[in-house]
Amino acid sequence: MTTPPPDSVSQFAADLRNMRLAAGNPTLEALAVRSGRGKTMLAEAFQGSALPSRETLVLIIKALDGDTDAWVARWTRLRLAAVEPSSGAQRAITSNGDNAAAGWWLIVLVGVVCLAVGVGFGIMAGRRIYAPSPVVPSVAVTPGADPWAVPDCKDDAARQGFGTRADHYLVEIFWSPNCNAMWGQITRFDGALQGNALTAVVTLPYEPTTTQTVTATDVQTVHTPLLLSPGRTGSVCVTGTAQIGADEVDLSPPLCVDGR
């Protein structure tokens, strides 16, 4: 018996395109109106260079009258495969999502060298630091707004850092050049979303009062409101907790990136 090939991001996108064709091949403009997502974000989802966000996928499937639960389950399996190493591999995630141990150790080596010469850029256990270029925001946004509900923010949202916590949780930080704002997102893969809560917190470590927090129940993914990027050198950190019955899972250490 022939074993079916493993699922992949490219196959996922190909099947999305096929479903779009079966639905009459609506234009990106029409889908943008139906889904509320920008044309650029929709085009990337159909191209297959990377998985769309869960929120974007759900909106696309609803716009095409597809089976949302089946597609989300498939998305979850692919997302988890991208962040969990194979058996016996070093638990690490490179910036392009590969789980190659050799690449991880190369990154660690570069981080150690940079720290030694005082550059201040490094990758340490549980922490990854990036340096997005300073950008003057092109639109005015209000701290505390929902980032995925502000078209100018979601259309150019770029993931700046990510990592796994407590084996079954994906922590991410997003940054929008248009809005010069950052936010955190946490996705659970523990299968315990029903009746339980997920909390995400984004903060500036040197200004602990500058914090955005969100808690939601019965969700697989939760994202914080917008936190405007600081105007000086500093870090933005995301952490959170997961609740399972009476127990609380601490998703430490915080994931931090350069907030310039």
Protein backbone atom coordinates (compact mmCIF):
# COMPACT_ATOMS: atom_id res chain seq x y z
CA MET A 1 0.00 0.00 0.00
CA THR A 2 1.35 3.42 -0.94
CA THR A 3 1.97 5.75 2.01
CA PRO A 4 0.57 9.24 1.38
CA PRO A 5 3.21 11.99 1.42
CA PRO A 6 3.45 14.06 4.61
CA ASP A 7 1.52 17.30 4.71
CA SER A 8 3.40 20.53 4.03
CA VAL A 9 2.88 24.28 3.89
CA SER A 10 3.05 24.23 0.09
CA GLN A 11 0.41 21.47 -0.11
CA PHE A 12 -1.72 23.36 2.40
CA ALA A 13 -1.61 26.45 0.15
CA ALA A 14 -2.30 24.36 -2.97
CA ASP A 15 -5.43 22.95 -1.35
CA LEU A 16 -6.49 26.47 -0.36
CA ARG A 17 -6.15 27.51 -4.00
CA ASN A 18 -8.19 24.50 -5.11
CA MET A 19 -10.94 25.41 -2.65
CA ARG A 20 -10.89 28.96 -3.97
CA LEU A 21 -11.32 27.62 -7.52
CA ALA A 22 -14.18 25.38 -6.40
CA ALA A 23 -15.86 28.43 -4.85
CA GLY A 24 -15.85 30.23 -8.20
CA ASN A 25 -12.32 31.66 -8.00
CA PRO A 26 -13.26 34.98 -6.35
CA THR A 27 -10.76 37.81 -6.79
CA LEU A 28 -8.51 38.93 -3.94
CA GLU A 29 -10.53 42.16 -3.83
CA ALA A 30 -13.74 40.20 -3.33
CA LEU A 31 -12.14 37.98 -0.69
CA ALA A 32 -10.75 41.02 1.11
CA VAL A 33 -14.27 42.41 1.39
CA ARG A 34 -15.70 39.09 2.60
CA SER A 35 -12.92 38.30 5.07
CA GLY A 36 -11.82 41.73 6.27
CA ARG A 37 -8.18 40.83 5.56
CA GLY A 38 -5.84 42.83 3.31
CA LYS A 39 -5.08 41.63 -0.24
CA THR A 40 -1.37 41.25 0.56
CA MET A 41 -2.07 38.96 3.50
CA LEU A 42 -4.53 36.90 1.44
CA ALA A 43 -2.09 36.57 -1.46
CA GLU A 44 0.63 35.30 0.90
CA ALA A 45 -1.76 32.67 2.28
CA PHE A 46 -2.46 31.31 -1.20
CA GLN A 47 1.20 31.47 -2.30
CA GLY A 48 2.35 29.04 0.38
CA SER A 49 5.62 30.68 1.40
CA ALA A 50 4.45 30.37 5.02
CA LEU A 51 1.38 29.38 6.97
CA PRO A 52 -1.14 32.19 7.43
CA SER A 53 -2.10 33.16 10.95
CA ARG A 54 -4.92 31.15 12.49
CA GLU A 55 -7.17 34.22 12.42
CA THR A 56 -6.52 34.80 8.71
CA LEU A 57 -7.13 31.13 7.87
CA VAL A 58 -10.47 31.08 9.68
CA LEU A 59 -11.63 34.20 7.85
CA ILE A 60 -10.57 32.78 4.47
CA ILE A 61 -12.32 29.45 5.09
CA LYS A 62 -15.51 31.20 6.20
CA ALA A 63 -15.38 33.45 3.12
CA LEU A 64 -15.12 30.33 0.92
CA ASP A 65 -17.80 28.38 2.87
CA GLY A 66 -15.31 25.68 3.89
CA ASP A 67 -15.04 23.40 6.92
CA THR A 68 -13.37 25.68 9.47
CA ASP A 69 -12.78 22.99 12.10
CA ALA A 70 -11.03 20.64 9.65
CA TRP A 71 -8.77 23.37 8.29
CA VAL A 72 -7.85 24.66 11.75
CA ALA A 73 -7.00 21.11 12.88
CA ARG A 74 -4.73 20.70 9.84
CA TRP A 75 -3.17 24.15 10.45
CA THR A 76 -2.50 23.18 14.07
CA ARG A 77 -0.69 19.99 13.06
CA LEU A 78 1.53 21.88 10.60
CA ARG A 79 2.23 24.68 13.09
CA LEU A 80 3.14 22.22 15.82
CA ALA A 81 5.40 20.28 13.43
CA ALA A 82 7.22 23.52 12.65
CA VAL A 83 8.04 24.25 16.30
CA GLU A 84 8.63 20.76 17.74
CA PRO A 85 11.93 18.99 16.99
CA SER A 86 12.01 15.39 15.81
CA SER A 87 12.85 12.63 18.31
CA GLY A 88 16.33 13.00 19.76
CA ALA A 89 16.93 16.43 18.23
CA GLN A 90 18.05 19.51 20.12
CA ARG A 91 15.00 21.60 21.12
CA ALA A 92 15.66 24.78 19.23
CA ILE A 93 14.04 26.88 16.52
CA THR A 94 16.01 28.83 13.93
CA SER A 95 14.73 32.09 12.49
CA ASN A 96 13.37 30.39 9.36
CA GLY A 97 11.49 27.77 11.35
CA ASP A 98 13.84 24.81 10.70
CA ASN A 99 14.83 22.59 13.60
CA ALA A 100 18.39 21.89 12.49
CA ALA A 101 20.71 21.38 15.44
CA ALA A 102 23.73 22.50 13.48
CA GLY A 103 22.06 25.81 12.63
CA TRP A 104 21.17 26.36 16.27
CA TRP A 105 24.70 25.84 17.49
CA LEU A 106 26.01 28.18 14.81
CA ILE A 107 23.62 30.86 16.05
CA VAL A 108 24.69 30.27 19.64
CA LEU A 109 28.35 30.57 18.65
CA VAL A 110 27.71 33.86 16.86
CA GLY A 111 25.83 35.15 19.91
CA VAL A 112 28.70 34.27 22.25
CA VAL A 113 31.23 36.00 20.01
CA CYS A 114 29.10 39.12 19.76
CA LEU A 115 28.66 39.27 23.52
CA ALA A 116 32.41 38.89 23.99
CA VAL A 117 33.19 41.95 21.86
CA GLY A 118 30.50 44.03 23.49
CA VAL A 119 28.18 44.31 20.53
CA GLY A 120 25.24 43.48 22.71
CA PHE A 121 23.50 41.24 20.22
CA GLY A 122 23.09 37.64 21.24
CA ILE A 123 20.99 34.60 21.46
CA MET A 124 20.78 33.10 24.91
CA ALA A 125 18.84 30.21 26.35
CA GLY A 126 15.17 31.02 26.08
CA ARG A 127 15.85 34.47 24.59
CA ARG A 128 16.26 35.78 21.07
CA ILE A 129 17.14 39.35 20.15
CA TYR A 130 16.57 41.10 16.84
CA ALA A 131 17.02 44.70 15.70
CA PRO A 132 14.32 45.98 13.37
CA SER A 133 15.30 49.30 11.83
CA PRO A 134 13.73 52.41 13.39
CA VAL A 135 10.71 53.46 11.38
CA VAL A 136 8.55 56.56 11.61
CA PRO A 137 4.95 55.34 11.81
CA SER A 138 2.89 56.13 8.72
CA VAL A 139 -0.40 55.99 10.59
CA ALA A 140 -1.55 57.11 14.00
CA VAL A 141 -2.62 54.28 16.28
CA THR A 142 -3.75 54.14 19.86
CA PRO A 143 -1.99 51.90 22.39
CA GLY A 144 -4.36 49.17 23.44
CA ALA A 145 -6.00 48.75 20.03
CA ASP A 146 -6.54 45.27 18.57
CA PRO A 147 -3.62 44.88 16.09
CA TRP A 148 -5.44 42.44 13.81
CA ALA A 149 -8.40 44.84 13.60
CA VAL A 150 -6.28 47.79 12.36
CA PRO A 151 -5.74 47.27 8.59
CA ASP A 152 -2.56 49.37 8.47
CA CYS A 153 -1.03 47.25 11.26
CA LYS A 154 -2.09 43.78 10.14
CA ASP A 155 -1.19 44.31 6.47
CA ASP A 156 2.54 44.66 7.17
CA ALA A 157 2.75 42.68 10.43
CA ALA A 158 6.05 40.81 10.64
CA ARG A 159 7.03 38.22 13.23
CA GLN A 160 10.16 39.41 15.05
CA GLY A 161 10.72 36.48 17.39
CA PHE A 162 9.20 33.21 18.52
CA GLY A 163 9.88 30.25 20.77
CA THR A 164 8.26 27.29 22.52
CA ARG A 165 7.43 27.26 26.20
CA ALA A 166 6.41 24.37 28.49
CA ASP A 167 6.53 21.97 25.51
CA HIS A 168 3.08 22.79 24.12
CA TYR A 169 2.93 26.56 23.71
CA LEU A 170 4.16 28.88 20.95
CA VAL A 171 5.05 32.46 21.98
CA GLU A 172 5.43 35.08 19.23
CA ILE A 173 6.16 38.81 18.93
CA PHE A 174 4.87 40.82 15.96
CA TRP A 175 5.89 44.28 14.77
CA SER A 176 4.17 46.63 12.31
CA PRO A 177 6.39 49.22 10.57
CA ASN A 178 3.28 51.12 9.46
CA CYS A 179 2.15 51.57 13.04
CA ASN A 180 5.56 51.30 14.73
CA ALA A 181 3.84 49.04 17.23
CA MET A 182 4.42 45.57 18.67
CA TRP A 183 2.22 42.91 20.20
CA GLY A 184 2.49 39.40 21.56
CA GLN A 185 0.64 36.23 20.67
CA ILE A 186 0.46 32.83 22.37
CA THR A 187 -0.90 29.62 20.82
CA ARG A 188 -1.56 26.47 22.80
CA PHE A 189 -1.09 22.95 21.42
CA ASP A 190 -1.94 21.08 24.62
CA GLY A 191 -5.45 20.13 23.52
CA ALA A 192 -6.88 21.74 26.65
CA LEU A 193 -8.55 24.88 25.35
CA GLN A 194 -12.11 23.91 26.33
CA GLY A 195 -13.04 25.45 29.67
CA ASN A 196 -9.54 26.83 30.23
CA ALA A 197 -7.90 30.25 29.86
CA LEU A 198 -4.86 31.63 28.10
CA THR A 199 -3.14 34.89 29.12
CA ALA A 200 -0.60 36.92 27.14
CA VAL A 201 1.36 39.91 28.43
CA VAL A 202 3.56 42.31 26.44
CA THR A 203 5.69 44.80 28.33
CA LEU A 204 8.76 47.05 28.29
CA PRO A 205 11.13 45.63 30.94
CA TYR A 206 12.56 49.04 31.81
CA GLU A 207 9.05 50.55 32.10
CA PRO A 208 7.06 47.83 33.88
CA THR A 209 3.97 50.05 34.08
CA THR A 210 3.82 50.04 30.25
CA THR A 211 2.05 46.74 29.78
CA GLN A 212 -0.76 45.27 27.71
CA THR A 213 -2.49 42.12 28.97
CA VAL A 214 -5.28 39.94 27.65
CA THR A 215 -6.97 36.78 28.96
CA ALA A 216 -9.44 34.67 27.01
CA THR A 217 -11.24 31.39 27.70
CA ASP A 218 -11.87 28.51 25.27
CA VAL A 219 -9.34 29.78 22.72
CA GLN A 220 -6.31 28.23 21.09
CA THR A 221 -4.66 31.56 20.29
CA VAL A 222 -4.67 34.86 22.15
CA HIS A 223 -2.93 38.12 21.23
CA THR A 224 -2.27 41.25 23.24
CA PRO A 225 -3.40 44.76 22.31
CA LEU A 226 -0.93 47.10 20.61
CA LEU A 227 2.12 48.36 22.46
CA LEU A 228 3.84 51.26 20.71
CA SER A 229 7.53 50.62 20.08
CA PRO A 230 9.83 52.60 22.37
CA GLY A 231 11.66 55.56 20.87
CA ARG A 232 14.99 54.52 22.35
CA THR A 233 17.01 51.35 22.58
CA GLY A 234 15.24 48.77 24.67
CA SER A 235 13.49 45.43 24.63
CA VAL A 236 9.89 44.37 24.32
CA CYS A 237 9.00 41.12 26.08
CA VAL A 238 6.09 38.71 25.90
CA THR A 239 5.15 36.12 28.47
CA GLY A 240 1.97 34.55 29.76
CA THR A 241 0.22 31.73 31.53
CA ALA A 242 -2.08 28.88 30.59
CA GLN A 243 -4.79 27.59 32.89
CA ILE A 244 -5.78 23.92 32.91
CA GLY A 245 -8.48 23.28 35.46
CA ALA A 246 -7.14 24.42 38.83
CA ASP A 247 -3.54 24.39 37.62
CA GLU A 248 -1.61 27.27 36.05
CA VAL A 249 1.22 26.76 33.57
CA ASP A 250 3.88 29.47 33.72
CA LEU A 251 5.14 30.25 30.20
CA SER A 252 8.47 31.68 31.34
CA PRO A 253 11.08 32.82 30.55
CA PRO A 254 9.84 35.91 28.71
CA LEU A 255 10.50 36.09 24.97
CA CYS A 256 12.23 39.43 24.30
CA VAL A 257 13.24 41.30 21.15
CA ASP A 258 14.85 44.64 20.46
CA GLY A 259 12.08 47.21 20.45
CA ARG A 260 13.72 49.94 18.39
